[in-house]
Amino acid sequence: MSNEDLTPVPLATLADDKQIRAYIHPTRMIILELLGKEKQSVSGVARHLGVHPANLTHHFKLLEKTGLIKLVEKRDTGKNLEKFYRAVAYHFAVDRVGGPPANKQALVLSILRDNLTVALQSLRRKGDEQAVLGVLLTLRLIPEDVTELQQSLAKLLEEFSARRTDTGAIYTLNLSIYPGETEQLPANEVIIREDD
């Protein structure tokens, strides 16, 4: 029926909160990567991911609503109308320099929350047996300590990122440091370790 020729741009920089929230979600990042390579329907992406198309419909709607994908073709298969989408860019980058600091902090924490929610749903679905480590630690830090901690963590992450191989299990590290709620310190440390 309709057919729009769309060649994704090499890089789209996202500064809008709604676009950033739509982009930074594990499932939607995979969808965008697939749609950057070629146009596909919801059913096509679902087959690739091994899920039911109904599990992806809301992701496609959000990506289209925020302008990260576009409808490029409609095909009448006789039984239904199949819609094909394409990502507007091959790669996406987040650049959230504007806006009040509180909004940026809320955005960061909500992205981390969303990531953990997806991980939890995935574990429930798959019953994964891989190791999980959870640490909740409350500290009193002066600004210099916060900076030093951030730099130390960044260095550690660089070291492990440099070890990338094609073997081994895939893990996601969800790390945050943020101001606490009150002056009263709760339990100093909670560690939950689930080894295989």
N, C-alpha and C. Protein backbone atom coordinates (compact mmCIF):
# COMPACT_ATOMS: atom_id res chain seq x y z
N MET A 1 0.84 -1.18 0.00
CA MET A 1 0.00 0.00 0.00
C MET A 1 0.88 1.25 0.00
N SER A 2 1.25 1.76 1.20
CA SER A 2 2.14 2.91 1.21
C SER A 2 3.57 2.42 1.29
N ASN A 3 4.48 3.18 0.74
CA ASN A 3 5.87 2.78 0.72
C ASN A 3 6.72 4.03 0.79
N GLU A 4 7.42 4.21 1.90
CA GLU A 4 8.25 5.38 2.09
C GLU A 4 9.70 4.92 2.18
N ASP A 5 10.56 5.53 1.37
CA ASP A 5 11.97 5.17 1.40
C ASP A 5 12.64 5.97 2.50
N LEU A 6 13.11 5.29 3.53
CA LEU A 6 13.75 5.96 4.66
C LEU A 6 15.14 5.38 4.86
N THR A 7 16.14 6.22 4.73
CA THR A 7 17.50 5.82 5.07
C THR A 7 17.84 6.47 6.39
N PRO A 8 18.13 5.67 7.41
CA PRO A 8 18.44 6.25 8.71
C PRO A 8 19.67 7.16 8.66
N VAL A 9 19.66 8.19 9.50
CA VAL A 9 20.84 9.05 9.62
C VAL A 9 21.88 8.28 10.42
N PRO A 10 23.17 8.62 10.27
CA PRO A 10 24.20 7.87 11.01
C PRO A 10 24.02 7.93 12.53
N LEU A 11 23.70 9.12 13.07
CA LEU A 11 23.60 9.28 14.52
C LEU A 11 22.51 10.28 14.86
N ALA A 12 21.65 9.91 15.80
CA ALA A 12 20.64 10.85 16.32
C ALA A 12 20.97 11.09 17.79
N THR A 13 21.08 12.36 18.16
CA THR A 13 21.36 12.72 19.55
C THR A 13 20.05 13.04 20.22
N LEU A 14 19.77 12.37 21.32
CA LEU A 14 18.51 12.52 22.04
C LEU A 14 18.71 13.42 23.25
N ALA A 15 17.91 14.49 23.33
CA ALA A 15 17.98 15.40 24.48
C ALA A 15 16.62 15.50 25.17
N ASP A 16 15.56 15.09 24.49
CA ASP A 16 14.21 15.15 25.02
C ASP A 16 13.98 13.98 25.98
N ASP A 17 13.42 14.29 27.17
CA ASP A 17 13.21 13.26 28.19
C ASP A 17 12.38 12.09 27.68
N LYS A 18 11.31 12.37 26.92
CA LYS A 18 10.43 11.30 26.43
C LYS A 18 11.18 10.39 25.46
N GLN A 19 11.99 10.98 24.59
CA GLN A 19 12.77 10.16 23.66
C GLN A 19 13.82 9.34 24.40
N ILE A 20 14.46 9.96 25.38
CA ILE A 20 15.49 9.24 26.15
C ILE A 20 14.86 8.06 26.88
N ARG A 21 13.72 8.29 27.54
CA ARG A 21 13.04 7.20 28.25
C ARG A 21 12.62 6.09 27.29
N ALA A 22 12.16 6.49 26.09
CA ALA A 22 11.77 5.49 25.10
C ALA A 22 12.97 4.70 24.62
N TYR A 23 14.10 5.36 24.45
CA TYR A 23 15.30 4.71 23.93
C TYR A 23 15.96 3.79 24.96
N ILE A 24 16.14 4.28 26.18
CA ILE A 24 16.92 3.53 27.17
C ILE A 24 16.03 2.50 27.86
N HIS A 25 15.78 1.46 27.13
CA HIS A 25 15.03 0.31 27.61
C HIS A 25 15.61 -0.88 26.84
N PRO A 26 16.03 -1.93 27.52
CA PRO A 26 16.74 -3.02 26.82
C PRO A 26 16.01 -3.56 25.59
N THR A 27 14.73 -3.81 25.71
CA THR A 27 13.98 -4.37 24.57
C THR A 27 13.92 -3.37 23.42
N ARG A 28 13.65 -2.10 23.74
CA ARG A 28 13.53 -1.10 22.69
C ARG A 28 14.88 -0.81 22.02
N MET A 29 15.97 -0.94 22.77
CA MET A 29 17.29 -0.76 22.16
C MET A 29 17.56 -1.86 21.14
N ILE A 30 17.13 -3.07 21.43
CA ILE A 30 17.29 -4.17 20.48
C ILE A 30 16.42 -3.92 19.25
N ILE A 31 15.19 -3.48 19.48
CA ILE A 31 14.28 -3.19 18.36
C ILE A 31 14.91 -2.13 17.46
N LEU A 32 15.45 -1.07 18.05
CA LEU A 32 16.06 0.00 17.26
C LEU A 32 17.27 -0.50 16.48
N GLU A 33 18.04 -1.38 17.09
CA GLU A 33 19.20 -1.93 16.38
C GLU A 33 18.74 -2.74 15.16
N LEU A 34 17.72 -3.57 15.34
CA LEU A 34 17.20 -4.37 14.23
C LEU A 34 16.60 -3.49 13.13
N LEU A 35 15.86 -2.47 13.54
CA LEU A 35 15.22 -1.59 12.55
C LEU A 35 16.20 -0.63 11.91
N GLY A 36 17.39 -0.49 12.49
CA GLY A 36 18.44 0.29 11.85
C GLY A 36 19.03 -0.48 10.67
N LYS A 37 19.02 -1.80 10.77
CA LYS A 37 19.60 -2.64 9.72
C LYS A 37 18.66 -2.79 8.52
N GLU A 38 17.36 -2.94 8.82
CA GLU A 38 16.38 -3.14 7.75
C GLU A 38 14.98 -2.90 8.28
N LYS A 39 14.06 -2.65 7.35
CA LYS A 39 12.68 -2.48 7.78
C LYS A 39 12.12 -3.84 8.19
N GLN A 40 11.32 -3.81 9.25
CA GLN A 40 10.72 -5.04 9.74
C GLN A 40 9.36 -4.74 10.35
N SER A 41 8.54 -5.76 10.42
CA SER A 41 7.25 -5.65 11.08
C SER A 41 7.39 -6.07 12.54
N VAL A 42 6.35 -5.82 13.31
CA VAL A 42 6.35 -6.28 14.70
C VAL A 42 6.52 -7.79 14.74
N SER A 43 5.84 -8.50 13.84
CA SER A 43 5.94 -9.97 13.80
C SER A 43 7.35 -10.42 13.46
N GLY A 44 8.01 -9.72 12.54
CA GLY A 44 9.38 -10.07 12.17
C GLY A 44 10.34 -9.91 13.33
N VAL A 45 10.22 -8.81 14.05
CA VAL A 45 11.08 -8.58 15.21
C VAL A 45 10.76 -9.60 16.31
N ALA A 46 9.48 -9.91 16.48
CA ALA A 46 9.07 -10.90 17.49
C ALA A 46 9.68 -12.26 17.18
N ARG A 47 9.68 -12.66 15.92
CA ARG A 47 10.30 -13.94 15.54
C ARG A 47 11.79 -13.92 15.88
N HIS A 48 12.45 -12.81 15.58
CA HIS A 48 13.88 -12.68 15.86
C HIS A 48 14.16 -12.81 17.36
N LEU A 49 13.30 -12.22 18.19
CA LEU A 49 13.50 -12.23 19.64
C LEU A 49 12.90 -13.46 20.33
N GLY A 50 12.12 -14.23 19.58
CA GLY A 50 11.51 -15.43 20.16
C GLY A 50 10.39 -15.11 21.14
N VAL A 51 9.63 -14.04 20.87
CA VAL A 51 8.51 -13.66 21.74
C VAL A 51 7.25 -13.51 20.90
N HIS A 52 6.12 -13.41 21.56
CA HIS A 52 4.85 -13.18 20.86
C HIS A 52 4.79 -11.71 20.44
N PRO A 53 4.27 -11.42 19.24
CA PRO A 53 4.18 -10.03 18.78
C PRO A 53 3.45 -9.11 19.76
N ALA A 54 2.47 -9.64 20.48
CA ALA A 54 1.72 -8.81 21.44
C ALA A 54 2.64 -8.24 22.52
N ASN A 55 3.76 -8.93 22.80
CA ASN A 55 4.71 -8.44 23.79
C ASN A 55 5.49 -7.22 23.32
N LEU A 56 5.46 -6.96 22.01
CA LEU A 56 6.25 -5.86 21.45
C LEU A 56 5.41 -4.68 20.96
N THR A 57 4.12 -4.86 20.83
CA THR A 57 3.27 -3.82 20.26
C THR A 57 3.41 -2.49 20.98
N HIS A 58 3.38 -2.50 22.31
CA HIS A 58 3.48 -1.23 23.05
C HIS A 58 4.85 -0.58 22.86
N HIS A 59 5.90 -1.39 22.68
CA HIS A 59 7.23 -0.83 22.44
C HIS A 59 7.26 -0.10 21.09
N PHE A 60 6.68 -0.72 20.07
CA PHE A 60 6.64 -0.10 18.75
C PHE A 60 5.83 1.19 18.79
N LYS A 61 4.70 1.17 19.49
CA LYS A 61 3.86 2.38 19.58
C LYS A 61 4.62 3.53 20.23
N LEU A 62 5.34 3.23 21.31
CA LEU A 62 6.10 4.27 22.00
C LEU A 62 7.25 4.79 21.14
N LEU A 63 7.95 3.89 20.48
CA LEU A 63 9.05 4.31 19.61
C LEU A 63 8.55 5.17 18.45
N GLU A 64 7.38 4.81 17.90
CA GLU A 64 6.82 5.62 16.81
C GLU A 64 6.33 6.96 17.34
N LYS A 65 5.66 6.96 18.49
CA LYS A 65 5.13 8.19 19.08
C LYS A 65 6.24 9.20 19.39
N THR A 66 7.40 8.70 19.83
CA THR A 66 8.50 9.60 20.17
C THR A 66 9.40 9.91 18.98
N GLY A 67 9.07 9.36 17.82
CA GLY A 67 9.81 9.70 16.60
C GLY A 67 11.10 8.94 16.40
N LEU A 68 11.30 7.83 17.12
CA LEU A 68 12.53 7.07 16.96
C LEU A 68 12.44 6.05 15.83
N ILE A 69 11.21 5.67 15.47
CA ILE A 69 10.98 4.82 14.30
C ILE A 69 9.87 5.44 13.47
N LYS A 70 9.83 5.04 12.20
CA LYS A 70 8.77 5.52 11.31
C LYS A 70 8.17 4.36 10.54
N LEU A 71 6.88 4.48 10.30
CA LEU A 71 6.18 3.51 9.46
C LEU A 71 6.61 3.77 8.02
N VAL A 72 7.16 2.75 7.35
CA VAL A 72 7.67 2.95 5.99
C VAL A 72 6.92 2.15 4.95
N GLU A 73 6.15 1.14 5.38
CA GLU A 73 5.44 0.34 4.39
C GLU A 73 4.27 -0.38 5.03
N LYS A 74 3.20 -0.52 4.25
CA LYS A 74 2.05 -1.33 4.65
C LYS A 74 1.81 -2.36 3.58
N ARG A 75 1.67 -3.63 3.99
CA ARG A 75 1.42 -4.71 3.04
C ARG A 75 0.13 -5.42 3.41
N ASP A 76 -0.73 -5.57 2.43
CA ASP A 76 -1.97 -6.31 2.62
C ASP A 76 -1.68 -7.77 2.33
N THR A 77 -1.70 -8.60 3.36
CA THR A 77 -1.38 -10.02 3.20
C THR A 77 -2.61 -10.85 2.87
N GLY A 78 -3.76 -10.20 2.79
CA GLY A 78 -5.01 -10.93 2.56
C GLY A 78 -5.72 -11.21 3.87
N LYS A 79 -4.96 -11.54 4.92
CA LYS A 79 -5.53 -11.79 6.23
C LYS A 79 -5.51 -10.53 7.09
N ASN A 80 -4.45 -9.76 6.94
CA ASN A 80 -4.32 -8.53 7.73
C ASN A 80 -3.41 -7.54 7.01
N LEU A 81 -3.24 -6.40 7.62
CA LEU A 81 -2.39 -5.36 7.08
C LEU A 81 -1.10 -5.36 7.90
N GLU A 82 0.01 -5.74 7.26
CA GLU A 82 1.28 -5.81 7.96
C GLU A 82 2.02 -4.48 7.78
N LYS A 83 2.45 -3.91 8.93
CA LYS A 83 3.15 -2.62 8.92
C LYS A 83 4.64 -2.84 9.14
N PHE A 84 5.45 -2.16 8.32
CA PHE A 84 6.89 -2.26 8.43
C PHE A 84 7.46 -0.92 8.89
N TYR A 85 8.42 -1.00 9.80
CA TYR A 85 9.00 0.20 10.41
C TYR A 85 10.50 0.23 10.16
N ARG A 86 11.05 1.43 10.30
CA ARG A 86 12.50 1.61 10.18
C ARG A 86 12.95 2.61 11.24
N ALA A 87 14.09 2.40 11.84
CA ALA A 87 14.65 3.35 12.80
C ALA A 87 15.08 4.60 12.05
N VAL A 88 14.96 5.75 12.69
CA VAL A 88 15.34 7.01 12.04
C VAL A 88 16.85 7.20 12.02
N ALA A 89 17.60 6.40 12.81
CA ALA A 89 19.05 6.50 12.86
C ALA A 89 19.66 5.11 13.04
N TYR A 90 20.90 4.98 12.59
CA TYR A 90 21.62 3.73 12.81
C TYR A 90 22.08 3.63 14.26
N HIS A 91 22.44 4.78 14.84
CA HIS A 91 22.92 4.83 16.22
C HIS A 91 22.28 6.00 16.94
N PHE A 92 22.13 5.85 18.26
CA PHE A 92 21.54 6.90 19.08
C PHE A 92 22.49 7.23 20.22
N ALA A 93 22.53 8.52 20.59
CA ALA A 93 23.34 8.96 21.73
C ALA A 93 22.47 9.84 22.61
N VAL A 94 22.70 9.76 23.90
CA VAL A 94 21.94 10.57 24.86
C VAL A 94 22.80 11.75 25.27
N ASP A 95 22.23 12.95 25.16
CA ASP A 95 22.94 14.16 25.56
C ASP A 95 21.97 15.01 26.36
N ARG A 96 21.96 14.80 27.65
CA ARG A 96 21.00 15.48 28.52
C ARG A 96 21.72 16.56 29.31
N VAL A 97 22.15 17.65 28.63
CA VAL A 97 22.89 18.71 29.32
C VAL A 97 21.98 19.84 29.80
N GLY A 98 20.84 20.02 29.17
CA GLY A 98 19.94 21.10 29.57
C GLY A 98 18.99 20.67 30.66
N GLY A 99 18.24 21.61 31.17
CA GLY A 99 17.21 21.31 32.16
C GLY A 99 17.73 21.36 33.58
N PRO A 100 16.81 21.47 34.53
CA PRO A 100 17.19 21.53 35.94
C PRO A 100 17.84 20.24 36.42
N PRO A 101 18.81 20.33 37.34
CA PRO A 101 19.50 19.13 37.84
C PRO A 101 18.55 18.08 38.41
N ALA A 102 17.49 18.51 39.10
CA ALA A 102 16.55 17.54 39.69
C ALA A 102 15.90 16.69 38.61
N ASN A 103 15.58 17.31 37.47
CA ASN A 103 14.98 16.54 36.37
C ASN A 103 15.96 15.52 35.81
N LYS A 104 17.24 15.91 35.71
CA LYS A 104 18.26 14.98 35.21
C LYS A 104 18.43 13.82 36.18
N GLN A 105 18.46 14.11 37.46
CA GLN A 105 18.61 13.06 38.47
C GLN A 105 17.43 12.10 38.43
N ALA A 106 16.24 12.64 38.32
CA ALA A 106 15.03 11.80 38.25
C ALA A 106 15.06 10.94 36.99
N LEU A 107 15.52 11.51 35.89
CA LEU A 107 15.60 10.75 34.64
C LEU A 107 16.57 9.58 34.79
N VAL A 108 17.74 9.84 35.35
CA VAL A 108 18.74 8.79 35.53
C VAL A 108 18.18 7.65 36.38
N LEU A 109 17.59 8.00 37.51
CA LEU A 109 17.07 6.96 38.41
C LEU A 109 15.88 6.22 37.80
N SER A 110 15.05 6.91 37.04
CA SER A 110 13.91 6.23 36.42
C SER A 110 14.37 5.27 35.33
N ILE A 111 15.44 5.64 34.63
CA ILE A 111 16.01 4.74 33.61
C ILE A 111 16.55 3.48 34.28
N LEU A 112 17.25 3.65 35.39
CA LEU A 112 17.78 2.50 36.12
C LEU A 112 16.64 1.63 36.65
N ARG A 113 15.59 2.27 37.15
CA ARG A 113 14.42 1.52 37.65
C ARG A 113 13.80 0.70 36.53
N ASP A 114 13.63 1.33 35.36
CA ASP A 114 13.04 0.64 34.22
C ASP A 114 13.89 -0.58 33.82
N ASN A 115 15.21 -0.39 33.85
CA ASN A 115 16.11 -1.47 33.49
C ASN A 115 15.97 -2.64 34.47
N LEU A 116 15.89 -2.33 35.76
CA LEU A 116 15.71 -3.38 36.76
C LEU A 116 14.36 -4.08 36.63
N THR A 117 13.34 -3.32 36.28
CA THR A 117 12.01 -3.91 36.09
C THR A 117 12.02 -4.91 34.95
N VAL A 118 12.67 -4.55 33.83
CA VAL A 118 12.77 -5.47 32.70
C VAL A 118 13.56 -6.72 33.09
N ALA A 119 14.66 -6.53 33.84
CA ALA A 119 15.47 -7.67 34.27
C ALA A 119 14.66 -8.61 35.16
N LEU A 120 13.87 -8.04 36.06
CA LEU A 120 13.04 -8.84 36.95
C LEU A 120 12.01 -9.64 36.16
N GLN A 121 11.37 -9.00 35.20
CA GLN A 121 10.39 -9.70 34.36
C GLN A 121 11.06 -10.83 33.58
N SER A 122 12.25 -10.57 33.07
CA SER A 122 12.99 -11.58 32.31
C SER A 122 13.34 -12.78 33.19
N LEU A 123 13.80 -12.52 34.41
CA LEU A 123 14.14 -13.61 35.33
C LEU A 123 12.92 -14.45 35.67
N ARG A 124 11.79 -13.79 35.86
CA ARG A 124 10.55 -14.52 36.16
C ARG A 124 10.13 -15.41 35.00
N ARG A 125 10.32 -14.89 33.78
CA ARG A 125 9.94 -15.63 32.58
C ARG A 125 10.88 -16.80 32.33
N LYS A 126 12.18 -16.55 32.44
CA LYS A 126 13.16 -17.56 32.08
C LYS A 126 13.58 -18.45 33.23
N GLY A 127 13.44 -17.97 34.45
CA GLY A 127 13.94 -18.74 35.59
C GLY A 127 15.44 -18.91 35.51
N ASP A 128 16.14 -17.85 35.17
CA ASP A 128 17.58 -17.89 34.94
C ASP A 128 18.34 -18.34 36.18
N GLU A 129 19.36 -19.12 35.96
CA GLU A 129 20.16 -19.66 37.05
C GLU A 129 21.51 -18.96 37.20
N GLN A 130 21.74 -17.87 36.47
CA GLN A 130 23.02 -17.18 36.58
C GLN A 130 23.10 -16.40 37.88
N ALA A 131 24.33 -16.10 38.29
CA ALA A 131 24.56 -15.40 39.55
C ALA A 131 24.02 -13.98 39.51
N VAL A 132 23.46 -13.56 40.64
CA VAL A 132 22.96 -12.19 40.80
C VAL A 132 23.53 -11.65 42.10
N LEU A 133 23.96 -10.40 42.08
CA LEU A 133 24.48 -9.76 43.28
C LEU A 133 23.75 -8.44 43.47
N GLY A 134 23.22 -8.22 44.64
CA GLY A 134 22.56 -6.96 44.95
C GLY A 134 23.20 -6.36 46.19
N VAL A 135 23.58 -5.11 46.12
CA VAL A 135 24.20 -4.43 47.26
C VAL A 135 23.48 -3.11 47.47
N LEU A 136 23.02 -2.88 48.68
CA LEU A 136 22.43 -1.61 49.06
C LEU A 136 23.24 -1.11 50.24
N LEU A 137 23.93 0.00 50.03
CA LEU A 137 24.86 0.50 51.03
C LEU A 137 24.57 1.98 51.27
N THR A 138 24.45 2.35 52.53
CA THR A 138 24.22 3.75 52.88
C THR A 138 25.50 4.31 53.49
N LEU A 139 25.96 5.42 52.94
CA LEU A 139 27.22 6.03 53.37
C LEU A 139 27.03 7.52 53.64
N ARG A 140 27.91 8.07 54.43
CA ARG A 140 28.02 9.53 54.53
C ARG A 140 29.26 9.92 53.74
N LEU A 141 29.07 10.77 52.73
CA LEU A 141 30.17 11.16 51.86
C LEU A 141 30.25 12.68 51.71
N ILE A 142 31.45 13.20 51.69
CA ILE A 142 31.64 14.61 51.35
C ILE A 142 31.76 14.68 49.84
N PRO A 143 31.54 15.86 49.24
CA PRO A 143 31.57 15.96 47.77
C PRO A 143 32.82 15.37 47.12
N GLU A 144 33.97 15.54 47.75
CA GLU A 144 35.21 14.99 47.18
C GLU A 144 35.18 13.46 47.15
N ASP A 145 34.58 12.87 48.20
CA ASP A 145 34.46 11.41 48.25
C ASP A 145 33.54 10.90 47.13
N VAL A 146 32.47 11.63 46.87
CA VAL A 146 31.54 11.24 45.80
C VAL A 146 32.28 11.22 44.47
N THR A 147 33.05 12.28 44.22
CA THR A 147 33.82 12.36 42.97
C THR A 147 34.82 11.22 42.88
N GLU A 148 35.53 10.96 43.96
CA GLU A 148 36.54 9.89 43.97
C GLU A 148 35.88 8.52 43.75
N LEU A 149 34.74 8.29 44.39
CA LEU A 149 34.03 7.03 44.22
C LEU A 149 33.59 6.86 42.77
N GLN A 150 33.04 7.91 42.18
CA GLN A 150 32.60 7.84 40.78
C GLN A 150 33.78 7.54 39.85
N GLN A 151 34.91 8.17 40.09
CA GLN A 151 36.10 7.93 39.26
C GLN A 151 36.62 6.51 39.43
N SER A 152 36.62 6.01 40.66
CA SER A 152 37.09 4.64 40.92
C SER A 152 36.18 3.62 40.24
N LEU A 153 34.88 3.83 40.32
CA LEU A 153 33.94 2.92 39.67
C LEU A 153 34.09 2.96 38.15
N ALA A 154 34.27 4.17 37.60
CA ALA A 154 34.45 4.31 36.15
C ALA A 154 35.71 3.56 35.70
N LYS A 155 36.78 3.65 36.48
CA LYS A 155 38.03 2.95 36.15
C LYS A 155 37.82 1.43 36.19
N LEU A 156 37.13 0.95 37.21
CA LEU A 156 36.84 -0.48 37.33
C LEU A 156 36.00 -0.97 36.15
N LEU A 157 35.00 -0.17 35.77
CA LEU A 157 34.14 -0.55 34.64
C LEU A 157 34.94 -0.59 33.34
N GLU A 158 35.84 0.38 33.14
CA GLU A 158 36.70 0.38 31.95
C GLU A 158 37.55 -0.87 31.89
N GLU A 159 38.09 -1.26 33.05
CA GLU A 159 38.95 -2.45 33.12
C GLU A 159 38.17 -3.69 32.69
N PHE A 160 36.95 -3.87 33.20
CA PHE A 160 36.17 -5.06 32.85
C PHE A 160 35.61 -4.97 31.43
N SER A 161 35.28 -3.77 30.96
CA SER A 161 34.81 -3.60 29.58
C SER A 161 35.89 -3.97 28.58
N ALA A 162 37.14 -3.71 28.93
CA ALA A 162 38.27 -4.03 28.04
C ALA A 162 38.46 -5.54 27.89
N ARG A 163 37.88 -6.32 28.78
CA ARG A 163 38.02 -7.79 28.75
C ARG A 163 36.99 -8.45 27.85
N ARG A 164 36.25 -7.70 27.10
CA ARG A 164 35.16 -8.27 26.29
C ARG A 164 35.62 -9.44 25.44
N THR A 165 34.80 -10.48 25.49
CA THR A 165 35.06 -11.67 24.69
C THR A 165 33.74 -12.11 24.06
N ASP A 166 33.83 -13.08 23.18
CA ASP A 166 32.62 -13.62 22.55
C ASP A 166 32.03 -14.77 23.37
N THR A 167 32.71 -15.12 24.46
CA THR A 167 32.23 -16.22 25.29
C THR A 167 31.73 -15.67 26.62
N GLY A 168 31.10 -16.52 27.38
CA GLY A 168 30.61 -16.11 28.69
C GLY A 168 29.18 -15.63 28.63
N ALA A 169 28.58 -15.52 29.80
CA ALA A 169 27.19 -15.07 29.92
C ALA A 169 27.13 -13.55 29.86
N ILE A 170 26.01 -13.04 29.40
CA ILE A 170 25.80 -11.59 29.33
C ILE A 170 25.24 -11.12 30.66
N TYR A 171 25.87 -10.11 31.22
CA TYR A 171 25.41 -9.50 32.47
C TYR A 171 25.18 -8.01 32.24
N THR A 172 24.25 -7.45 32.99
CA THR A 172 24.00 -6.02 32.99
C THR A 172 24.34 -5.48 34.36
N LEU A 173 25.09 -4.41 34.39
CA LEU A 173 25.44 -3.75 35.64
C LEU A 173 24.59 -2.50 35.76
N ASN A 174 23.82 -2.42 36.82
CA ASN A 174 22.94 -1.28 37.06
C ASN A 174 23.46 -0.60 38.32
N LEU A 175 24.12 0.52 38.18
CA LEU A 175 24.84 1.15 39.26
C LEU A 175 24.33 2.56 39.49
N SER A 176 24.09 2.91 40.73
CA SER A 176 23.63 4.27 41.02
C SER A 176 24.18 4.75 42.35
N ILE A 177 24.38 6.03 42.43
CA ILE A 177 24.73 6.69 43.68
C ILE A 177 23.89 7.96 43.71
N TYR A 178 23.15 8.16 44.78
CA TYR A 178 22.22 9.28 44.84
C TYR A 178 22.05 9.72 46.28
N PRO A 179 21.62 10.98 46.47
CA PRO A 179 21.41 11.48 47.84
C PRO A 179 20.33 10.68 48.55
N GLY A 180 20.57 10.38 49.83
CA GLY A 180 19.61 9.62 50.63
C GLY A 180 18.44 10.47 51.05
N GLU A 181 17.44 9.82 51.61
CA GLU A 181 16.19 10.47 52.00
C GLU A 181 16.30 11.31 53.26
N THR A 182 16.94 10.77 54.30
CA THR A 182 16.93 11.45 55.60
C THR A 182 18.31 11.46 56.21
N GLU A 183 18.41 12.15 57.31
CA GLU A 183 19.65 12.16 58.07
C GLU A 183 19.85 10.85 58.82
N GLN A 184 18.76 10.14 59.08
CA GLN A 184 18.86 8.88 59.82
C GLN A 184 19.36 7.79 58.88
N LEU A 185 20.46 7.15 59.26
CA LEU A 185 21.00 6.08 58.43
C LEU A 185 20.25 4.78 58.70
N PRO A 186 19.73 4.12 57.65
CA PRO A 186 19.14 2.80 57.85
C PRO A 186 20.27 1.78 58.04
N ALA A 187 19.97 0.52 57.89
CA ALA A 187 20.99 -0.51 58.02
C ALA A 187 22.18 -0.14 57.15
N ASN A 188 23.38 -0.25 57.70
CA ASN A 188 24.57 0.17 56.99
C ASN A 188 24.78 -0.54 55.66
N GLU A 189 24.42 -1.80 55.60
CA GLU A 189 24.73 -2.57 54.41
C GLU A 189 23.78 -3.74 54.26
N VAL A 190 23.31 -3.94 53.02
CA VAL A 190 22.51 -5.12 52.70
C VAL A 190 23.13 -5.72 51.45
N ILE A 191 23.55 -6.97 51.54
CA ILE A 191 24.14 -7.66 50.38
C ILE A 191 23.33 -8.92 50.14
N ILE A 192 22.86 -9.06 48.92
CA ILE A 192 22.12 -10.25 48.52
C ILE A 192 22.90 -10.89 47.38
N ARG A 193 23.44 -12.05 47.64
CA ARG A 193 24.26 -12.72 46.64
C ARG A 193 23.58 -14.03 46.26
N GLU A 194 23.36 -14.23 44.98
CA GLU A 194 22.74 -15.45 44.49
C GLU A 194 23.73 -16.10 43.52
N ASP A 195 24.51 -17.02 44.03
CA ASP A 195 25.50 -17.71 43.19
C ASP A 195 24.89 -18.97 42.60
N ASP A 196 25.50 -19.43 41.45
CA ASP A 196 24.97 -20.66 40.90
C ASP A 196 25.38 -21.83 41.73
